[in-house]
């Protein structure tokens, strides 16, 4: 479920945007809802961090429960997919 960081020199700074996108196909004849079981849709983006120094961050959690609070279209750069990412990474085969 967790993958190692590919670019170990990466520094995330104030104002940077971190996003995950899942592309799924519902092969069942009923709706699939978000939830914690194997019968539910689970598109999660986890990130672990540490604080370098004596002080901890004032906010320990960053959470959005999906489109009800944020839409991809709200941010002009979040739809930009770098050329280093294969288009098939966010598409379904016919």
N, C-alpha and C. Protein backbone atom coordinates (compact mmCIF):
# COMPACT_ATOMS: atom_id res chain seq x y z
N UNK A 1 0.81 -1.19 0.00
CA UNK A 1 0.00 0.00 0.00
C UNK A 1 0.86 1.26 0.00
N UNK A 2 1.99 1.24 0.67
CA UNK A 2 2.84 2.41 0.71
C UNK A 2 4.02 2.23 -0.23
N UNK A 3 4.40 3.29 -0.88
CA UNK A 3 5.50 3.25 -1.83
C UNK A 3 6.60 4.19 -1.35
N UNK A 4 7.85 3.83 -1.57
CA UNK A 4 8.95 4.71 -1.15
C UNK A 4 9.00 5.96 -2.01
N UNK A 5 9.57 7.00 -1.46
CA UNK A 5 9.76 8.24 -2.20
C UNK A 5 10.79 8.00 -3.29
N UNK A 6 10.44 8.36 -4.53
CA UNK A 6 11.37 8.15 -5.64
C UNK A 6 12.45 9.22 -5.67
N UNK A 7 12.08 10.46 -5.36
CA UNK A 7 13.04 11.56 -5.38
C UNK A 7 13.35 11.95 -3.94
N UNK A 8 14.44 11.45 -3.42
CA UNK A 8 14.78 11.68 -2.01
C UNK A 8 15.21 13.12 -1.74
N UNK A 9 15.47 13.90 -2.80
CA UNK A 9 15.86 15.30 -2.63
C UNK A 9 14.65 16.23 -2.67
N UNK A 10 13.46 15.69 -2.76
CA UNK A 10 12.24 16.48 -2.84
C UNK A 10 11.97 17.19 -1.52
N UNK A 11 11.71 18.48 -1.59
CA UNK A 11 11.33 19.26 -0.42
C UNK A 11 9.95 19.85 -0.68
N UNK A 12 9.02 19.60 0.20
CA UNK A 12 7.68 20.16 0.08
C UNK A 12 7.66 21.45 0.87
N UNK A 13 7.26 22.53 0.21
CA UNK A 13 7.30 23.85 0.82
C UNK A 13 5.92 24.47 0.88
N UNK A 14 5.80 25.52 1.66
CA UNK A 14 4.55 26.25 1.80
C UNK A 14 4.03 26.64 0.42
N UNK A 15 2.77 26.38 0.16
CA UNK A 15 2.16 26.72 -1.12
C UNK A 15 2.16 25.58 -2.12
N UNK A 16 2.95 24.54 -1.88
CA UNK A 16 2.95 23.38 -2.78
C UNK A 16 1.62 22.65 -2.67
N UNK A 17 1.23 22.00 -3.74
CA UNK A 17 -0.01 21.24 -3.77
C UNK A 17 0.34 19.76 -3.90
N UNK A 18 -0.22 18.95 -3.03
CA UNK A 18 -0.05 17.49 -3.10
C UNK A 18 -1.42 16.91 -3.43
N UNK A 19 -1.48 16.05 -4.43
CA UNK A 19 -2.77 15.51 -4.84
C UNK A 19 -2.61 14.07 -5.29
N UNK A 20 -3.69 13.34 -5.19
CA UNK A 20 -3.74 11.97 -5.68
C UNK A 20 -5.02 11.83 -6.49
N UNK A 21 -4.94 11.06 -7.55
CA UNK A 21 -6.12 10.82 -8.37
C UNK A 21 -6.24 9.32 -8.61
N UNK A 22 -7.42 8.78 -8.42
CA UNK A 22 -7.66 7.35 -8.66
C UNK A 22 -8.60 7.21 -9.85
N UNK A 23 -8.30 6.27 -10.70
CA UNK A 23 -9.17 5.95 -11.83
C UNK A 23 -9.69 4.54 -11.60
N UNK A 24 -10.99 4.40 -11.52
CA UNK A 24 -11.57 3.10 -11.17
C UNK A 24 -12.66 2.72 -12.14
N UNK A 25 -12.92 1.44 -12.23
CA UNK A 25 -14.01 0.91 -13.03
C UNK A 25 -14.91 0.08 -12.12
N UNK A 26 -16.19 0.40 -12.11
CA UNK A 26 -17.15 -0.35 -11.30
C UNK A 26 -17.70 -1.48 -12.16
N UNK A 27 -17.26 -2.70 -11.89
CA UNK A 27 -17.68 -3.86 -12.66
C UNK A 27 -18.97 -4.48 -12.14
N UNK A 28 -19.53 -3.91 -11.08
CA UNK A 28 -20.75 -4.46 -10.49
C UNK A 28 -21.98 -3.77 -11.08
N UNK A 29 -23.14 -4.33 -10.82
CA UNK A 29 -24.39 -3.74 -11.32
C UNK A 29 -25.07 -2.88 -10.26
N UNK A 30 -24.29 -2.36 -9.34
CA UNK A 30 -24.81 -1.47 -8.30
C UNK A 30 -23.78 -0.39 -8.02
N UNK A 31 -24.23 0.68 -7.39
CA UNK A 31 -23.33 1.78 -7.06
C UNK A 31 -22.31 1.34 -6.02
N UNK A 32 -21.14 1.91 -6.10
CA UNK A 32 -20.09 1.68 -5.11
C UNK A 32 -19.86 2.98 -4.36
N UNK A 33 -19.84 2.90 -3.05
CA UNK A 33 -19.69 4.10 -2.22
C UNK A 33 -18.36 4.07 -1.49
N UNK A 34 -17.93 5.22 -1.04
CA UNK A 34 -16.70 5.31 -0.26
C UNK A 34 -16.93 4.66 1.09
N UNK A 35 -15.92 3.97 1.58
CA UNK A 35 -16.05 3.32 2.88
C UNK A 35 -14.84 2.48 3.22
N UNK A 36 -14.84 1.86 4.39
CA UNK A 36 -13.66 1.17 4.90
C UNK A 36 -13.55 -0.31 4.56
N UNK A 37 -14.51 -0.87 3.82
CA UNK A 37 -14.47 -2.31 3.57
C UNK A 37 -14.05 -2.64 2.15
N UNK A 38 -13.83 -3.92 1.89
CA UNK A 38 -13.46 -4.37 0.56
C UNK A 38 -14.57 -4.20 -0.46
N UNK A 39 -15.79 -3.96 -0.01
CA UNK A 39 -16.91 -3.71 -0.92
C UNK A 39 -17.05 -2.23 -1.25
N UNK A 40 -16.23 -1.39 -0.66
CA UNK A 40 -16.31 0.05 -0.85
C UNK A 40 -15.16 0.54 -1.71
N UNK A 41 -15.32 1.76 -2.20
CA UNK A 41 -14.25 2.43 -2.94
C UNK A 41 -13.30 3.02 -1.92
N UNK A 42 -12.02 2.83 -2.14
CA UNK A 42 -11.02 3.39 -1.23
C UNK A 42 -9.90 4.02 -2.04
N UNK A 43 -10.02 5.29 -2.29
CA UNK A 43 -8.97 6.05 -2.96
C UNK A 43 -8.37 6.95 -1.88
N UNK A 44 -7.24 6.57 -1.36
CA UNK A 44 -6.64 7.29 -0.25
C UNK A 44 -5.25 7.77 -0.62
N UNK A 45 -4.88 8.89 -0.06
CA UNK A 45 -3.54 9.45 -0.25
C UNK A 45 -2.96 9.67 1.14
N UNK A 46 -1.99 8.86 1.49
CA UNK A 46 -1.35 8.97 2.80
C UNK A 46 0.03 9.56 2.64
N UNK A 47 0.41 10.36 3.59
CA UNK A 47 1.74 10.93 3.58
C UNK A 47 2.24 10.99 5.02
N UNK A 48 3.46 10.58 5.22
CA UNK A 48 4.08 10.68 6.54
C UNK A 48 5.12 11.79 6.49
N UNK A 49 5.25 12.50 7.58
CA UNK A 49 6.21 13.60 7.63
C UNK A 49 6.84 13.67 9.02
N UNK A 50 7.90 14.43 9.09
CA UNK A 50 8.51 14.69 10.39
C UNK A 50 8.84 16.17 10.47
N UNK A 51 8.99 16.67 11.67
CA UNK A 51 9.33 18.06 11.90
C UNK A 51 10.78 18.11 12.34
N UNK A 52 11.58 18.87 11.63
CA UNK A 52 13.00 19.00 11.94
C UNK A 52 13.17 20.16 12.92
N UNK A 53 13.46 19.87 14.15
CA UNK A 53 13.63 20.91 15.15
C UNK A 53 12.87 20.61 16.42
N UNK A 54 12.77 21.60 17.28
CA UNK A 54 12.15 21.43 18.59
C UNK A 54 10.64 21.60 18.57
N UNK A 55 10.13 22.35 17.59
CA UNK A 55 8.71 22.68 17.59
C UNK A 55 7.94 21.73 16.68
N UNK A 56 6.74 21.39 17.10
CA UNK A 56 5.87 20.58 16.24
C UNK A 56 4.89 21.51 15.53
N UNK A 57 4.28 20.98 14.48
CA UNK A 57 3.32 21.78 13.71
C UNK A 57 2.06 22.01 14.53
N UNK A 58 1.42 23.16 14.34
CA UNK A 58 0.20 23.46 15.09
C UNK A 58 -0.97 22.61 14.60
N UNK A 59 -1.02 22.29 13.31
CA UNK A 59 -2.05 21.42 12.76
C UNK A 59 -1.44 20.05 12.50
N UNK A 60 -1.94 19.03 13.16
CA UNK A 60 -1.38 17.69 12.98
C UNK A 60 -1.99 16.95 11.80
N UNK A 61 -3.19 17.35 11.35
CA UNK A 61 -3.90 16.61 10.32
C UNK A 61 -4.30 17.52 9.17
N UNK A 62 -4.30 16.98 7.98
CA UNK A 62 -4.80 17.66 6.79
C UNK A 62 -5.75 16.68 6.13
N UNK A 63 -7.02 17.04 5.97
CA UNK A 63 -8.00 16.09 5.48
C UNK A 63 -9.04 16.77 4.61
N UNK A 64 -9.41 16.11 3.54
CA UNK A 64 -10.56 16.50 2.73
C UNK A 64 -11.32 15.22 2.42
N UNK A 65 -12.61 15.23 2.63
CA UNK A 65 -13.37 14.00 2.36
C UNK A 65 -13.89 13.95 0.94
N UNK A 66 -13.22 14.64 0.04
CA UNK A 66 -13.53 14.49 -1.37
C UNK A 66 -14.31 15.65 -1.97
N UNK A 67 -14.97 15.38 -3.10
CA UNK A 67 -15.59 16.43 -3.90
C UNK A 67 -16.57 17.34 -3.19
N UNK A 68 -17.15 16.91 -2.10
CA UNK A 68 -18.06 17.84 -1.44
C UNK A 68 -17.34 19.08 -0.94
N UNK A 69 -16.03 18.98 -0.70
CA UNK A 69 -15.25 20.12 -0.22
C UNK A 69 -14.29 20.67 -1.26
N UNK A 70 -13.91 19.87 -2.22
CA UNK A 70 -12.90 20.33 -3.18
C UNK A 70 -13.09 19.61 -4.50
N UNK A 71 -13.02 20.34 -5.57
CA UNK A 71 -13.14 19.76 -6.91
C UNK A 71 -11.85 20.00 -7.67
N UNK A 72 -11.48 19.05 -8.52
CA UNK A 72 -10.27 19.21 -9.33
C UNK A 72 -10.32 20.50 -10.13
N UNK A 73 -11.51 20.87 -10.61
CA UNK A 73 -11.64 22.06 -11.46
C UNK A 73 -11.37 23.36 -10.72
N UNK A 74 -11.36 23.34 -9.41
CA UNK A 74 -11.17 24.57 -8.64
C UNK A 74 -9.74 25.10 -8.74
N UNK A 75 -8.81 24.27 -9.11
CA UNK A 75 -7.41 24.68 -9.16
C UNK A 75 -6.87 24.49 -10.57
N UNK A 76 -6.43 25.57 -11.21
CA UNK A 76 -5.99 25.46 -12.60
C UNK A 76 -4.76 24.58 -12.80
N UNK A 77 -3.89 24.47 -11.81
CA UNK A 77 -2.68 23.67 -12.03
C UNK A 77 -2.83 22.23 -11.59
N UNK A 78 -3.89 21.91 -10.89
CA UNK A 78 -4.02 20.53 -10.40
C UNK A 78 -4.38 19.57 -11.53
N UNK A 79 -4.93 20.08 -12.63
CA UNK A 79 -5.22 19.24 -13.79
C UNK A 79 -4.01 19.05 -14.68
N UNK A 80 -2.93 19.75 -14.41
CA UNK A 80 -1.71 19.61 -15.19
C UNK A 80 -1.02 18.31 -14.80
N UNK A 81 -0.79 17.46 -15.79
CA UNK A 81 -0.09 16.21 -15.54
C UNK A 81 1.28 16.32 -16.21
N UNK A 82 2.36 16.24 -15.44
CA UNK A 82 3.71 16.37 -16.02
C UNK A 82 3.94 15.35 -17.12
N UNK A 83 4.74 15.70 -18.11
CA UNK A 83 5.01 14.81 -19.24
C UNK A 83 5.72 13.53 -18.80
N UNK A 84 6.33 13.54 -17.62
CA UNK A 84 7.01 12.34 -17.13
C UNK A 84 6.04 11.26 -16.65
N UNK A 85 4.77 11.62 -16.51
CA UNK A 85 3.74 10.67 -16.09
C UNK A 85 3.04 10.12 -17.33
N UNK A 86 3.02 8.81 -17.46
CA UNK A 86 2.36 8.20 -18.61
C UNK A 86 0.85 8.44 -18.54
N UNK A 87 0.25 8.76 -19.69
CA UNK A 87 -1.20 9.02 -19.73
C UNK A 87 -2.00 7.82 -19.25
N UNK A 88 -1.48 6.62 -19.43
CA UNK A 88 -2.20 5.42 -19.01
C UNK A 88 -2.31 5.31 -17.49
N UNK A 89 -1.56 6.13 -16.76
CA UNK A 89 -1.61 6.09 -15.30
C UNK A 89 -2.96 6.58 -14.77
N UNK A 90 -3.69 7.33 -15.58
CA UNK A 90 -4.99 7.84 -15.14
C UNK A 90 -6.06 7.58 -16.19
N UNK A 91 -6.06 6.38 -16.74
CA UNK A 91 -7.08 6.02 -17.72
C UNK A 91 -7.41 4.54 -17.59
N UNK A 92 -8.53 4.17 -18.15
CA UNK A 92 -8.96 2.78 -18.13
C UNK A 92 -8.90 2.22 -19.54
N UNK A 93 -8.46 0.98 -19.65
CA UNK A 93 -8.46 0.33 -20.96
C UNK A 93 -9.89 0.00 -21.35
N UNK A 94 -10.17 0.09 -22.65
CA UNK A 94 -11.51 -0.26 -23.15
C UNK A 94 -11.71 -1.75 -23.16
